[in-house]
């Protein structure tokens, strides 16, 4: 069923229909994303390990519930009917991040293990390629027009990277920088999309709710992982035709 939903807007765009035109536009957006689900967290501890020759740190759970700021860009082909019916296909890229606060540092070495209060922030970056197929309506006035679309979005997650920094109550500063492997790289999502046009320039906003889990299962952090993307985009659009 998901495959049919994804194919429907593309088929509608390709279908020859009398009295309709196709518009092309480019979009640049700021993105505000976080993770939602049962195994996400607003605060986490950081595990710091010293093996005698080097020291490394990593977040216990980097799948944060705080919004992080990113960016995106896309190109869109949109069929506009005489009655205002819209069908659109949008291909884009998003650089997303979610944040979680740090409240504890777990320090482990060959001779000592201890837990200390700490501070800082962990960011989890998840860049992705996206394809959005939407259907909706255009409400047009004398100077302004509103496009409202809803439909499926398919994302391919290119990477997941944790970066964090902060301080502990005893050992001074800490930092983390490591790759995280997402549990699923393909994310099927649902997206609602609005654009207000004045001539060729538009203000655009959208909300995306993901359904794929990003967090791998681990006995310690998430025996039954549940972490999906929530993404808000706001930005500018320019209509080429």
Protein backbone atom coordinates (compact mmCIF):
# COMPACT_ATOMS: atom_id res chain seq x y z
CA UNK A 1 0.00 0.00 0.00
CA UNK A 2 2.86 2.39 0.82
CA UNK A 3 4.33 1.85 -2.66
CA UNK A 4 1.01 2.77 -4.32
CA UNK A 5 0.75 5.97 -2.24
CA UNK A 6 4.26 7.00 -3.25
CA UNK A 7 3.59 6.33 -6.95
CA UNK A 8 0.22 8.10 -7.13
CA UNK A 9 1.41 11.77 -7.32
CA UNK A 10 3.99 10.92 -9.99
CA UNK A 11 1.34 9.19 -12.10
CA UNK A 12 -0.98 12.16 -11.76
CA UNK A 13 1.79 14.52 -12.86
CA UNK A 14 2.51 12.38 -15.89
CA UNK A 15 -1.13 12.01 -16.94
CA UNK A 16 -2.18 14.29 -19.83
CA UNK A 17 -5.14 16.37 -18.61
CA UNK A 18 -6.70 19.19 -20.66
CA UNK A 19 -6.70 22.67 -19.12
CA UNK A 20 -3.83 22.08 -16.70
CA UNK A 21 -0.34 23.53 -16.42
CA UNK A 22 2.87 22.41 -14.73
CA UNK A 23 4.86 24.77 -12.50
CA UNK A 24 8.47 24.34 -11.39
CA UNK A 25 9.87 25.86 -8.20
CA UNK A 26 12.93 25.78 -5.96
CA UNK A 27 12.79 25.91 -2.15
CA UNK A 28 15.27 26.70 0.62
CA UNK A 29 14.21 26.02 4.21
CA UNK A 30 15.30 26.07 7.82
CA UNK A 31 14.46 22.79 9.55
CA UNK A 32 13.60 22.14 13.20
CA UNK A 33 13.68 18.46 14.08
CA UNK A 34 13.60 16.13 17.04
CA UNK A 35 12.82 12.50 17.84
CA UNK A 36 9.52 11.28 19.23
CA UNK A 37 8.68 7.87 20.63
CA UNK A 38 8.95 5.73 23.74
CA UNK A 39 12.75 5.44 23.85
CA UNK A 40 13.65 9.10 23.17
CA UNK A 41 14.92 11.34 25.95
CA UNK A 42 15.25 14.97 27.01
CA UNK A 43 18.35 14.27 29.13
CA UNK A 44 21.09 11.66 28.90
CA UNK A 45 24.32 10.60 30.53
CA UNK A 46 27.68 10.48 28.78
CA UNK A 47 29.95 7.47 29.11
CA UNK A 48 33.65 8.37 29.13
CA UNK A 49 36.17 5.52 28.85
CA UNK A 50 39.93 5.75 29.41
CA UNK A 51 41.91 2.66 28.37
CA UNK A 52 45.24 4.07 29.54
CA UNK A 53 46.32 5.42 26.17
CA UNK A 54 43.28 7.40 24.99
CA UNK A 55 39.93 8.65 26.19
CA UNK A 56 36.61 8.56 24.34
CA UNK A 57 33.08 9.71 25.16
CA UNK A 58 29.66 8.75 23.84
CA UNK A 59 26.09 9.54 24.82
CA UNK A 60 24.11 6.77 26.49
CA UNK A 61 21.07 7.81 24.42
CA UNK A 62 21.52 10.53 21.74
CA UNK A 63 17.93 10.35 20.40
CA UNK A 64 16.83 13.68 21.82
CA UNK A 65 13.42 15.25 22.32
CA UNK A 66 14.72 18.83 21.99
CA UNK A 67 14.43 20.61 18.64
CA UNK A 68 17.65 21.13 16.74
CA UNK A 69 18.14 23.53 13.84
CA UNK A 70 19.08 22.38 10.34
CA UNK A 71 18.48 23.32 6.73
CA UNK A 72 17.12 21.92 3.49
CA UNK A 73 16.62 22.52 -0.21
CA UNK A 74 14.34 21.00 -2.84
CA UNK A 75 12.97 21.29 -6.36
CA UNK A 76 9.29 20.75 -7.14
CA UNK A 77 7.16 20.02 -10.20
CA UNK A 78 3.49 20.78 -9.63
CA UNK A 79 0.45 20.31 -11.83
CA UNK A 80 -2.24 22.95 -11.41
CA UNK A 81 -5.79 22.31 -12.61
CA UNK A 82 -8.45 24.85 -13.52
CA UNK A 83 -10.50 24.02 -10.42
CA UNK A 84 -7.44 24.44 -8.19
CA UNK A 85 -6.54 20.76 -7.88
CA UNK A 86 -2.81 20.29 -7.23
CA UNK A 87 -0.52 17.29 -7.61
CA UNK A 88 3.16 17.69 -6.84
CA UNK A 89 6.43 15.80 -6.80
CA UNK A 90 9.21 17.31 -4.65
CA UNK A 91 12.83 16.03 -4.48
CA UNK A 92 15.07 17.42 -1.76
CA UNK A 93 17.79 17.20 0.85
CA UNK A 94 17.56 17.86 4.60
CA UNK A 95 20.33 18.32 7.14
CA UNK A 96 18.55 17.52 10.40
CA UNK A 97 19.65 17.46 14.01
CA UNK A 98 18.04 16.63 17.33
CA UNK A 99 19.36 17.68 20.74
CA UNK A 100 19.48 16.21 24.23
CA UNK A 101 20.89 17.71 27.42
CA UNK A 102 23.58 16.01 29.51
CA UNK A 103 23.22 15.68 33.28
CA UNK A 104 25.63 12.87 34.25
CA UNK A 105 29.10 11.64 33.31
CA UNK A 106 29.93 7.95 33.83
CA UNK A 107 33.72 7.67 33.97
CA UNK A 108 35.37 4.27 33.42
CA UNK A 109 39.06 3.38 33.48
CA UNK A 110 41.18 0.36 34.27
CA UNK A 111 41.42 1.42 37.92
CA UNK A 112 38.30 3.47 38.59
CA UNK A 113 34.61 3.75 37.77
CA UNK A 114 32.49 6.62 39.01
CA UNK A 115 29.47 8.76 38.21
CA UNK A 116 29.62 12.54 38.40
CA UNK A 117 27.29 15.40 37.65
CA UNK A 118 27.88 16.95 34.26
CA UNK A 119 26.55 19.39 31.73
CA UNK A 120 26.51 19.91 27.99
CA UNK A 121 24.54 19.06 24.88
CA UNK A 122 24.57 16.13 22.48
CA UNK A 123 23.52 16.66 18.84
CA UNK A 124 22.53 13.81 16.54
CA UNK A 125 22.81 14.80 12.86
CA UNK A 126 20.82 12.79 10.30
CA UNK A 127 21.13 14.13 6.72
CA UNK A 128 18.63 12.60 4.31
CA UNK A 129 17.45 12.64 0.70
CA UNK A 130 13.67 13.04 0.37
CA UNK A 131 10.89 12.51 -2.17
CA UNK A 132 7.48 14.02 -1.39
CA UNK A 133 4.34 13.34 -3.42
CA UNK A 134 1.43 15.59 -2.53
CA UNK A 135 -2.16 16.24 -3.56
CA UNK A 136 -4.20 19.28 -2.58
CA UNK A 137 -5.81 22.55 -3.61
CA UNK A 138 -4.90 26.11 -4.53
CA UNK A 139 -6.96 28.97 -3.13
CA UNK A 140 -6.24 32.03 -5.26
CA UNK A 141 -7.02 35.69 -4.59
CA UNK A 142 -6.24 38.86 -6.53
CA UNK A 143 -2.65 39.11 -5.21
CA UNK A 144 -2.03 36.03 -3.07
CA UNK A 145 -2.46 32.30 -3.58
CA UNK A 146 -2.36 29.51 -0.99
CA UNK A 147 -1.23 25.99 -1.93
CA UNK A 148 -2.17 23.26 0.57
CA UNK A 149 -0.82 19.74 0.00
CA UNK A 150 -0.68 16.49 1.94
CA UNK A 151 0.89 13.17 1.06
CA UNK A 152 3.60 10.58 1.65
CA UNK A 153 7.30 11.37 1.90
CA UNK A 154 10.08 8.82 1.51
CA UNK A 155 13.48 9.64 3.02
CA UNK A 156 16.81 7.88 2.67
CA UNK A 157 19.04 8.55 5.70
CA UNK A 158 22.62 9.09 4.53
CA UNK A 159 24.31 9.08 7.93
CA UNK A 160 23.79 9.52 11.65
CA UNK A 161 26.52 11.32 13.58
CA UNK A 162 26.74 12.22 17.25
CA UNK A 163 28.60 15.36 18.29
CA UNK A 164 28.57 16.69 21.82
CA UNK A 165 30.52 18.74 24.31
CA UNK A 166 30.29 19.92 27.90
CA UNK A 167 31.93 19.65 31.32
CA UNK A 168 31.95 17.34 34.34
CA UNK A 169 32.16 18.31 37.98
CA UNK A 170 35.63 16.74 38.37
CA UNK A 171 37.43 16.02 35.10
CA UNK A 172 36.81 19.26 33.24
CA UNK A 173 35.57 19.22 29.66
CA UNK A 174 34.35 16.29 27.56
CA UNK A 175 33.48 15.92 23.87
CA UNK A 176 32.09 13.22 21.60
CA UNK A 177 32.29 12.77 17.84
CA UNK A 178 31.30 9.38 16.43
CA UNK A 179 29.17 7.69 13.81
CA UNK A 180 25.87 6.07 14.77
CA UNK A 181 24.25 3.50 12.49
CA UNK A 182 20.50 4.13 12.11
CA UNK A 183 18.29 1.09 12.60
CA UNK A 184 16.47 1.96 9.36
CA UNK A 185 17.79 4.05 6.49
CA UNK A 186 14.46 4.20 4.63
CA UNK A 187 11.88 6.30 6.43
CA UNK A 188 8.25 6.39 5.26
CA UNK A 189 6.64 9.62 6.46
CA UNK A 190 3.46 11.69 6.20
CA UNK A 191 3.80 15.38 5.30
CA UNK A 192 1.52 18.42 5.27
CA UNK A 193 2.73 21.37 3.19
CA UNK A 194 1.62 25.03 2.79
CA UNK A 195 2.93 27.74 0.45
CA UNK A 196 1.68 31.32 0.22
CA UNK A 197 2.52 32.87 -3.17
CA UNK A 198 2.79 36.50 -4.22
CA UNK A 199 3.70 36.45 -7.88
CA UNK A 200 6.74 34.14 -8.20
CA UNK A 201 7.91 34.34 -4.56
CA UNK A 202 6.43 32.22 -1.80
CA UNK A 203 6.62 31.57 1.93
CA UNK A 204 6.53 27.86 2.67
CA UNK A 205 5.97 25.74 5.80
CA UNK A 206 5.56 22.01 6.31
CA UNK A 207 5.31 19.38 9.02
CA UNK A 208 6.60 15.82 8.61
CA UNK A 209 5.87 12.87 10.87
CA UNK A 210 8.16 9.86 10.40
CA UNK A 211 7.19 6.26 11.08
CA UNK A 212 10.53 4.42 10.84
CA UNK A 213 12.53 3.74 14.00
CA UNK A 214 16.06 5.22 13.96
CA UNK A 215 17.44 3.74 17.19
CA UNK A 216 19.18 0.35 17.18
CA UNK A 217 18.17 -2.11 19.88
CA UNK A 218 20.61 -2.36 22.82
CA UNK A 219 20.15 -4.14 26.13
CA UNK A 220 21.25 -1.06 28.10
CA UNK A 221 19.75 1.97 26.33
CA UNK A 222 16.79 0.59 24.37
CA UNK A 223 15.69 -3.04 24.52
CA UNK A 224 12.57 -2.06 22.51
CA UNK A 225 13.66 1.06 20.58
CA UNK A 226 11.08 3.60 19.45
CA UNK A 227 12.51 6.83 17.95
CA UNK A 228 10.91 8.53 14.92
CA UNK A 229 11.65 11.87 13.27
CA UNK A 230 9.45 14.94 13.73
CA UNK A 231 10.40 17.76 11.36
CA UNK A 232 9.12 21.31 10.79
CA UNK A 233 10.35 23.27 7.75
CA UNK A 234 9.93 27.00 7.09
CA UNK A 235 11.49 28.95 4.25
CA UNK A 236 11.25 30.60 0.85
CA UNK A 237 10.13 29.32 -2.54
CA UNK A 238 10.71 30.73 -6.00
CA UNK A 239 8.54 29.74 -8.94
CA UNK A 240 10.43 29.31 -12.20
CA UNK A 241 7.34 28.81 -14.37
